[in-house]
Amino acid sequence: MALTFFPDPGTVLMCDFTTGFREPEMVKKRPVIVVSHKFQTTRPEVSVCTVVPISTVRPTKIERWHHRLAEDSIPVPLREMGKESWAKCDLVVSVAFHRLDKVRSARIDGVRTWIQHTVTSEDLQSIQRCLIYVLNMQHLIDPTE
């Protein structure tokens, strides 16, 4: 079900990458973190936001654009016992709202519920710093680089 609201930065959602993407791009449903703020596109009927995928696969080589998330940043239904969660900022992408949905939780009395969850402010700031390196803009914060 498509989102009907613009999510705040740091919101954890599920994103359907199964259509229109090809490997080595993301090609399955996975959790993501919203990194953009609400903005108006040139086509008001189209709602998009920019997201960073979350993975439980530790990067082979940890780079400046990978960030290990605190356990509190992951909604309970998505926490896999004993697995780390990583923000893969090198895979940042803007997606339309029809790809996004809230995180589902367990059924309560037979009724499906959804979770509204955001990452910690520390994790969001770290992800934003990672994006600076992915976008090759580190000179904006450190002129010596």
N, C-alpha and C. Protein backbone atom coordinates (compact mmCIF):
# COMPACT_ATOMS: atom_id res chain seq x y z
N MET A 1 0.84 -1.18 0.00
CA MET A 1 0.00 0.00 0.00
C MET A 1 0.89 1.24 0.00
N ALA A 2 0.65 2.15 -0.90
CA ALA A 2 1.48 3.35 -1.03
C ALA A 2 1.29 4.29 0.15
N LEU A 3 2.34 5.03 0.45
CA LEU A 3 2.25 6.03 1.52
C LEU A 3 1.29 7.14 1.13
N THR A 4 0.66 7.72 2.13
CA THR A 4 -0.25 8.85 1.90
C THR A 4 0.25 10.11 2.60
N PHE A 5 1.47 10.05 3.13
CA PHE A 5 2.06 11.20 3.83
C PHE A 5 3.53 11.26 3.47
N PHE A 6 4.13 12.44 3.62
CA PHE A 6 5.56 12.56 3.37
C PHE A 6 6.29 12.23 4.67
N PRO A 7 7.11 11.18 4.67
CA PRO A 7 7.79 10.76 5.90
C PRO A 7 8.91 11.72 6.27
N ASP A 8 9.12 11.86 7.56
CA ASP A 8 10.21 12.70 8.06
C ASP A 8 11.55 12.02 7.85
N PRO A 9 12.64 12.80 7.76
CA PRO A 9 13.96 12.19 7.70
C PRO A 9 14.19 11.29 8.91
N GLY A 10 14.77 10.12 8.67
CA GLY A 10 15.02 9.16 9.73
C GLY A 10 13.95 8.10 9.87
N THR A 11 12.81 8.27 9.17
CA THR A 11 11.73 7.28 9.24
C THR A 11 12.18 5.98 8.59
N VAL A 12 11.89 4.86 9.25
CA VAL A 12 12.19 3.55 8.69
C VAL A 12 10.92 3.03 8.01
N LEU A 13 11.06 2.66 6.75
CA LEU A 13 9.95 2.15 5.95
C LEU A 13 10.39 0.88 5.22
N MET A 14 9.46 0.23 4.56
CA MET A 14 9.78 -0.87 3.67
C MET A 14 9.68 -0.36 2.24
N CYS A 15 10.62 -0.77 1.40
CA CYS A 15 10.62 -0.34 0.00
C CYS A 15 10.64 -1.56 -0.91
N ASP A 16 9.80 -1.52 -1.94
CA ASP A 16 9.71 -2.61 -2.91
C ASP A 16 10.59 -2.27 -4.11
N PHE A 17 11.75 -2.92 -4.17
CA PHE A 17 12.68 -2.73 -5.28
C PHE A 17 12.53 -3.83 -6.33
N THR A 18 11.44 -4.62 -6.28
CA THR A 18 11.32 -5.79 -7.15
C THR A 18 11.00 -5.45 -8.59
N THR A 19 10.50 -4.25 -8.87
CA THR A 19 10.19 -3.90 -10.26
C THR A 19 11.01 -2.69 -10.69
N GLY A 20 11.51 -2.75 -11.90
CA GLY A 20 12.22 -1.61 -12.47
C GLY A 20 13.68 -1.50 -12.10
N PHE A 21 14.18 -2.34 -11.23
CA PHE A 21 15.58 -2.33 -10.85
C PHE A 21 16.22 -3.64 -11.33
N ARG A 22 17.53 -3.61 -11.58
CA ARG A 22 18.26 -4.81 -11.98
C ARG A 22 19.55 -4.89 -11.18
N GLU A 23 19.99 -6.12 -10.89
CA GLU A 23 21.25 -6.29 -10.18
C GLU A 23 22.36 -5.61 -10.95
N PRO A 24 23.30 -4.95 -10.30
CA PRO A 24 23.61 -4.99 -8.88
C PRO A 24 22.82 -4.01 -8.03
N GLU A 25 21.77 -3.38 -8.61
CA GLU A 25 20.89 -2.52 -7.81
C GLU A 25 20.10 -3.39 -6.84
N MET A 26 19.42 -2.76 -5.90
CA MET A 26 18.54 -3.49 -5.00
C MET A 26 17.42 -4.11 -5.83
N VAL A 27 17.09 -5.37 -5.55
CA VAL A 27 16.06 -6.05 -6.34
C VAL A 27 15.08 -6.84 -5.48
N LYS A 28 14.91 -6.44 -4.22
CA LYS A 28 13.94 -7.11 -3.35
C LYS A 28 13.33 -6.10 -2.40
N LYS A 29 12.36 -6.54 -1.63
CA LYS A 29 11.78 -5.66 -0.61
C LYS A 29 12.76 -5.61 0.55
N ARG A 30 12.99 -4.41 1.02
CA ARG A 30 13.90 -4.26 2.16
C ARG A 30 13.61 -2.98 2.92
N PRO A 31 14.05 -2.93 4.17
CA PRO A 31 13.87 -1.71 4.95
C PRO A 31 14.78 -0.61 4.44
N VAL A 32 14.30 0.62 4.57
CA VAL A 32 15.06 1.80 4.15
C VAL A 32 14.88 2.90 5.18
N ILE A 33 15.78 3.87 5.12
CA ILE A 33 15.71 5.04 5.99
C ILE A 33 15.53 6.26 5.09
N VAL A 34 14.52 7.06 5.38
CA VAL A 34 14.28 8.29 4.62
C VAL A 34 15.35 9.31 4.98
N VAL A 35 15.97 9.92 3.97
CA VAL A 35 17.01 10.91 4.23
C VAL A 35 16.65 12.29 3.67
N SER A 36 15.60 12.37 2.88
CA SER A 36 15.21 13.67 2.31
C SER A 36 14.12 14.32 3.15
N HIS A 37 14.02 15.62 3.02
CA HIS A 37 12.94 16.36 3.65
C HIS A 37 11.83 16.54 2.63
N LYS A 38 10.69 17.00 3.05
CA LYS A 38 9.58 17.21 2.14
C LYS A 38 9.95 18.30 1.14
N PHE A 39 9.78 17.98 -0.13
CA PHE A 39 10.05 18.94 -1.18
C PHE A 39 9.03 18.80 -2.28
N GLN A 40 8.87 19.85 -3.03
CA GLN A 40 7.90 19.84 -4.12
C GLN A 40 8.63 19.51 -5.41
N THR A 41 8.14 18.51 -6.13
CA THR A 41 8.74 18.16 -7.41
C THR A 41 8.13 19.04 -8.49
N THR A 42 8.69 18.96 -9.68
CA THR A 42 8.15 19.72 -10.80
C THR A 42 6.82 19.13 -11.26
N ARG A 43 6.53 17.91 -10.81
CA ARG A 43 5.24 17.27 -11.10
C ARG A 43 4.55 17.00 -9.76
N PRO A 44 3.68 17.87 -9.30
CA PRO A 44 3.07 17.74 -7.97
C PRO A 44 2.30 16.43 -7.77
N GLU A 45 1.86 15.79 -8.84
CA GLU A 45 1.11 14.54 -8.69
C GLU A 45 2.04 13.36 -8.36
N VAL A 46 3.34 13.58 -8.46
CA VAL A 46 4.31 12.53 -8.18
C VAL A 46 5.00 12.82 -6.86
N SER A 47 4.89 11.92 -5.93
CA SER A 47 5.56 12.09 -4.64
C SER A 47 6.74 11.13 -4.57
N VAL A 48 7.92 11.68 -4.32
CA VAL A 48 9.13 10.88 -4.19
C VAL A 48 9.90 11.31 -2.96
N CYS A 49 10.70 10.40 -2.44
CA CYS A 49 11.63 10.76 -1.38
C CYS A 49 12.90 9.94 -1.57
N THR A 50 13.96 10.39 -0.94
CA THR A 50 15.25 9.75 -1.07
C THR A 50 15.48 8.87 0.14
N VAL A 51 15.94 7.64 -0.12
CA VAL A 51 16.10 6.65 0.94
C VAL A 51 17.47 5.98 0.85
N VAL A 52 17.89 5.43 1.99
CA VAL A 52 19.10 4.62 2.09
C VAL A 52 18.67 3.23 2.54
N PRO A 53 19.06 2.19 1.79
CA PRO A 53 18.67 0.83 2.18
C PRO A 53 19.39 0.35 3.44
N ILE A 54 18.72 -0.55 4.16
CA ILE A 54 19.30 -1.20 5.34
C ILE A 54 19.57 -2.65 4.96
N SER A 55 20.71 -3.16 5.39
CA SER A 55 21.08 -4.55 5.11
C SER A 55 21.62 -5.20 6.38
N THR A 56 21.42 -6.49 6.49
CA THR A 56 22.02 -7.24 7.60
C THR A 56 23.32 -7.89 7.15
N VAL A 57 23.74 -7.63 5.91
CA VAL A 57 25.00 -8.16 5.41
C VAL A 57 26.09 -7.14 5.67
N ARG A 58 27.06 -7.54 6.47
CA ARG A 58 28.18 -6.66 6.79
C ARG A 58 29.00 -6.42 5.52
N PRO A 59 29.38 -5.17 5.24
CA PRO A 59 30.20 -4.91 4.06
C PRO A 59 31.52 -5.68 4.14
N THR A 60 31.99 -6.18 2.99
CA THR A 60 33.26 -6.89 2.95
C THR A 60 34.38 -6.00 3.45
N LYS A 61 34.38 -4.77 2.96
CA LYS A 61 35.32 -3.75 3.42
C LYS A 61 34.48 -2.55 3.85
N ILE A 62 34.59 -2.18 5.11
CA ILE A 62 33.79 -1.06 5.62
C ILE A 62 34.41 0.25 5.14
N GLU A 63 33.58 1.03 4.44
CA GLU A 63 34.01 2.30 3.87
C GLU A 63 33.32 3.45 4.61
N ARG A 64 33.67 4.67 4.24
CA ARG A 64 33.08 5.86 4.87
C ARG A 64 31.58 5.97 4.62
N TRP A 65 31.08 5.27 3.63
CA TRP A 65 29.66 5.35 3.28
C TRP A 65 28.84 4.19 3.83
N HIS A 66 29.43 3.42 4.72
CA HIS A 66 28.69 2.37 5.44
C HIS A 66 28.56 2.79 6.89
N HIS A 67 27.39 2.55 7.45
CA HIS A 67 27.19 2.90 8.85
C HIS A 67 26.44 1.78 9.56
N ARG A 68 27.03 1.30 10.64
CA ARG A 68 26.37 0.29 11.46
C ARG A 68 25.35 0.99 12.35
N LEU A 69 24.11 0.53 12.28
CA LEU A 69 23.02 1.15 13.02
C LEU A 69 22.93 0.62 14.45
N ALA A 70 22.56 1.51 15.35
CA ALA A 70 22.29 1.10 16.73
C ALA A 70 21.04 0.23 16.74
N GLU A 71 20.96 -0.69 17.66
CA GLU A 71 19.80 -1.59 17.74
C GLU A 71 18.50 -0.82 17.89
N ASP A 72 18.54 0.31 18.62
CA ASP A 72 17.33 1.13 18.82
C ASP A 72 16.81 1.76 17.52
N SER A 73 17.65 1.80 16.50
CA SER A 73 17.25 2.40 15.23
C SER A 73 16.44 1.45 14.36
N ILE A 74 16.41 0.18 14.71
CA ILE A 74 15.71 -0.82 13.91
C ILE A 74 14.40 -1.19 14.61
N PRO A 75 13.27 -1.13 13.89
CA PRO A 75 12.00 -1.53 14.50
C PRO A 75 12.05 -3.00 14.93
N VAL A 76 11.43 -3.32 16.04
CA VAL A 76 11.47 -4.66 16.61
C VAL A 76 11.16 -5.76 15.59
N PRO A 77 10.13 -5.64 14.75
CA PRO A 77 9.86 -6.73 13.81
C PRO A 77 10.98 -6.99 12.80
N LEU A 78 11.87 -6.02 12.61
CA LEU A 78 12.95 -6.18 11.64
C LEU A 78 14.27 -6.62 12.26
N ARG A 79 14.35 -6.61 13.57
CA ARG A 79 15.59 -7.02 14.22
C ARG A 79 15.76 -8.53 14.07
N GLU A 80 16.85 -8.90 13.45
CA GLU A 80 17.14 -10.33 13.32
C GLU A 80 18.12 -10.69 14.41
N MET A 81 17.77 -11.73 15.16
CA MET A 81 18.56 -12.09 16.33
C MET A 81 20.05 -12.24 15.99
N GLY A 82 20.84 -11.44 16.67
CA GLY A 82 22.27 -11.55 16.55
C GLY A 82 22.88 -10.94 15.29
N LYS A 83 22.07 -10.31 14.43
CA LYS A 83 22.62 -9.74 13.20
C LYS A 83 22.74 -8.23 13.31
N GLU A 84 23.81 -7.72 12.75
CA GLU A 84 24.01 -6.28 12.67
C GLU A 84 23.12 -5.72 11.56
N SER A 85 22.83 -4.44 11.63
CA SER A 85 22.12 -3.76 10.55
C SER A 85 22.98 -2.61 10.08
N TRP A 86 23.09 -2.50 8.75
CA TRP A 86 23.96 -1.51 8.14
C TRP A 86 23.18 -0.60 7.21
N ALA A 87 23.44 0.70 7.30
CA ALA A 87 22.93 1.65 6.31
C ALA A 87 23.93 1.64 5.17
N LYS A 88 23.44 1.28 3.97
CA LYS A 88 24.30 1.19 2.79
C LYS A 88 24.13 2.48 1.98
N CYS A 89 24.83 3.53 2.41
CA CYS A 89 24.64 4.86 1.84
C CYS A 89 25.12 4.96 0.40
N ASP A 90 25.94 4.02 -0.05
CA ASP A 90 26.37 4.03 -1.45
C ASP A 90 25.24 3.59 -2.38
N LEU A 91 24.14 3.12 -1.82
CA LEU A 91 22.99 2.69 -2.62
C LEU A 91 21.80 3.64 -2.45
N VAL A 92 22.07 4.89 -2.11
CA VAL A 92 21.03 5.90 -1.94
C VAL A 92 20.24 6.03 -3.25
N VAL A 93 18.91 6.19 -3.12
CA VAL A 93 18.05 6.27 -4.30
C VAL A 93 16.79 7.06 -3.97
N SER A 94 16.26 7.75 -4.97
CA SER A 94 14.97 8.42 -4.81
C SER A 94 13.90 7.52 -5.40
N VAL A 95 12.85 7.30 -4.64
CA VAL A 95 11.78 6.38 -5.06
C VAL A 95 10.42 7.05 -4.91
N ALA A 96 9.48 6.60 -5.72
CA ALA A 96 8.10 7.09 -5.63
C ALA A 96 7.40 6.42 -4.46
N PHE A 97 6.38 7.09 -3.96
CA PHE A 97 5.66 6.60 -2.79
C PHE A 97 4.99 5.25 -3.01
N HIS A 98 4.68 4.90 -4.26
CA HIS A 98 4.02 3.61 -4.48
C HIS A 98 4.94 2.44 -4.12
N ARG A 99 6.24 2.69 -3.99
CA ARG A 99 7.18 1.64 -3.57
C ARG A 99 7.29 1.53 -2.05
N LEU A 100 6.78 2.50 -1.32
CA LEU A 100 7.02 2.59 0.12
C LEU A 100 5.80 2.19 0.94
N ASP A 101 6.07 1.60 2.09
CA ASP A 101 5.02 1.23 3.04
C ASP A 101 5.61 1.26 4.44
N LYS A 102 4.74 1.39 5.41
CA LYS A 102 5.18 1.31 6.80
C LYS A 102 5.62 -0.12 7.11
N VAL A 103 6.37 -0.27 8.19
CA VAL A 103 6.81 -1.59 8.65
C VAL A 103 5.64 -2.28 9.32
N ARG A 104 5.37 -3.51 8.91
CA ARG A 104 4.27 -4.26 9.50
C ARG A 104 4.72 -4.92 10.80
N SER A 105 3.80 -4.98 11.75
CA SER A 105 4.07 -5.70 12.98
C SER A 105 3.17 -6.93 13.01
N ALA A 106 3.23 -7.63 14.10
CA ALA A 106 2.39 -8.82 14.24
C ALA A 106 0.92 -8.41 14.30
N ARG A 107 0.08 -9.36 13.99
CA ARG A 107 -1.37 -9.10 14.10
C ARG A 107 -1.76 -9.07 15.57
N ILE A 108 -2.63 -8.14 15.90
CA ILE A 108 -3.17 -8.04 17.26
C ILE A 108 -4.67 -8.27 17.16
N ASP A 109 -5.13 -9.34 17.78
CA ASP A 109 -6.54 -9.74 17.69
C ASP A 109 -7.00 -9.86 16.23
N GLY A 110 -6.11 -10.40 15.39
CA GLY A 110 -6.45 -10.61 14.00
C GLY A 110 -6.35 -9.39 13.11
N VAL A 111 -5.93 -8.27 13.67
CA VAL A 111 -5.84 -7.03 12.90
C VAL A 111 -4.38 -6.68 12.66
N ARG A 112 -4.03 -6.42 11.40
CA ARG A 112 -2.66 -6.05 11.05
C ARG A 112 -2.38 -4.64 11.57
N THR A 113 -1.21 -4.45 12.15
CA THR A 113 -0.81 -3.13 12.62
C THR A 113 0.52 -2.75 11.96
N TRP A 114 0.77 -1.46 11.90
CA TRP A 114 2.00 -0.95 11.31
C TRP A 114 2.74 -0.13 12.35
N ILE A 115 4.04 -0.07 12.19
CA ILE A 115 4.90 0.62 13.14
C ILE A 115 5.42 1.91 12.53
N GLN A 116 5.35 2.98 13.29
CA GLN A 116 5.97 4.25 12.93
C GLN A 116 7.26 4.31 13.73
N HIS A 117 8.40 4.26 13.04
CA HIS A 117 9.68 4.18 13.74
C HIS A 117 10.70 5.08 13.06
N THR A 118 11.55 5.71 13.85
CA THR A 118 12.64 6.51 13.31
C THR A 118 13.96 6.05 13.91
N VAL A 119 15.03 6.26 13.17
CA VAL A 119 16.36 5.93 13.69
C VAL A 119 16.74 6.98 14.73
N THR A 120 17.76 6.67 15.52
CA THR A 120 18.23 7.64 16.51
C THR A 120 18.80 8.85 15.80
N SER A 121 18.80 9.99 16.48
CA SER A 121 19.36 11.21 15.88
C SER A 121 20.84 11.04 15.56
N GLU A 122 21.55 10.28 16.40
CA GLU A 122 22.97 10.02 16.15
C GLU A 122 23.17 9.23 14.87
N ASP A 123 22.33 8.20 14.66
CA ASP A 123 22.43 7.41 13.43
C ASP A 123 22.08 8.25 12.21
N LEU A 124 21.05 9.08 12.30
CA LEU A 124 20.68 9.91 11.15
C LEU A 124 21.81 10.87 10.79
N GLN A 125 22.44 11.47 11.78
CA GLN A 125 23.57 12.38 11.51
C GLN A 125 24.73 11.62 10.87
N SER A 126 25.00 10.42 11.34
CA SER A 126 26.08 9.62 10.75
C SER A 126 25.77 9.24 9.31
N ILE A 127 24.53 8.90 9.04
CA ILE A 127 24.11 8.56 7.67
C ILE A 127 24.27 9.78 6.78
N GLN A 128 23.89 10.95 7.26
CA GLN A 128 24.04 12.17 6.48
C GLN A 128 25.51 12.45 6.17
N ARG A 129 26.40 12.19 7.14
CA ARG A 129 27.83 12.35 6.88
C ARG A 129 28.31 11.35 5.83
N CYS A 130 27.81 10.11 5.91
CA CYS A 130 28.17 9.10 4.90
C CYS A 130 27.76 9.56 3.51
N LEU A 131 26.60 10.17 3.41
CA LEU A 131 26.11 10.62 2.10
C LEU A 131 27.00 11.72 1.51
N ILE A 132 27.61 12.52 2.36
CA ILE A 132 28.54 13.54 1.89
C ILE A 132 29.69 12.89 1.12
N TYR A 133 30.19 11.76 1.61
CA TYR A 133 31.29 11.06 0.94
C TYR A 133 30.81 10.35 -0.32
N VAL A 134 29.61 9.76 -0.27
CA VAL A 134 29.07 9.08 -1.45
C VAL A 134 28.90 10.06 -2.59
N LEU A 135 28.44 11.26 -2.28
CA LEU A 135 28.19 12.27 -3.30
C LEU A 135 29.43 13.11 -3.63
N ASN A 136 30.58 12.70 -3.07
CA ASN A 136 31.85 13.37 -3.33
C ASN A 136 31.81 14.86 -2.98
N MET A 137 31.23 15.15 -1.82
CA MET A 137 31.11 16.54 -1.37
C MET A 137 31.86 16.80 -0.07
N GLN A 138 32.82 15.94 0.26
CA GLN A 138 33.55 16.09 1.51
C GLN A 138 34.31 17.41 1.60
N HIS A 139 34.64 17.99 0.47
CA HIS A 139 35.33 19.29 0.49
C HIS A 139 34.47 20.39 1.12
N LEU A 140 33.17 20.18 1.19
CA LEU A 140 32.27 21.16 1.82
C LEU A 140 32.42 21.19 3.33
N ILE A 141 32.87 20.09 3.91
CA ILE A 141 33.04 20.05 5.36
C ILE A 141 34.50 20.00 5.78
N ASP A 142 35.37 19.58 4.84
CA ASP A 142 36.80 19.52 5.13
C ASP A 142 37.55 19.92 3.86
N PRO A 143 37.97 21.18 3.77
CA PRO A 143 38.62 21.68 2.55
C PRO A 143 39.91 20.96 2.20
N THR A 144 40.51 20.23 3.15
CA THR A 144 41.78 19.54 2.87
C THR A 144 41.56 18.23 2.11
N GLU A 145 40.32 17.80 1.98
CA GLU A 145 40.06 16.52 1.29
C GLU A 145 39.75 16.71 -0.16
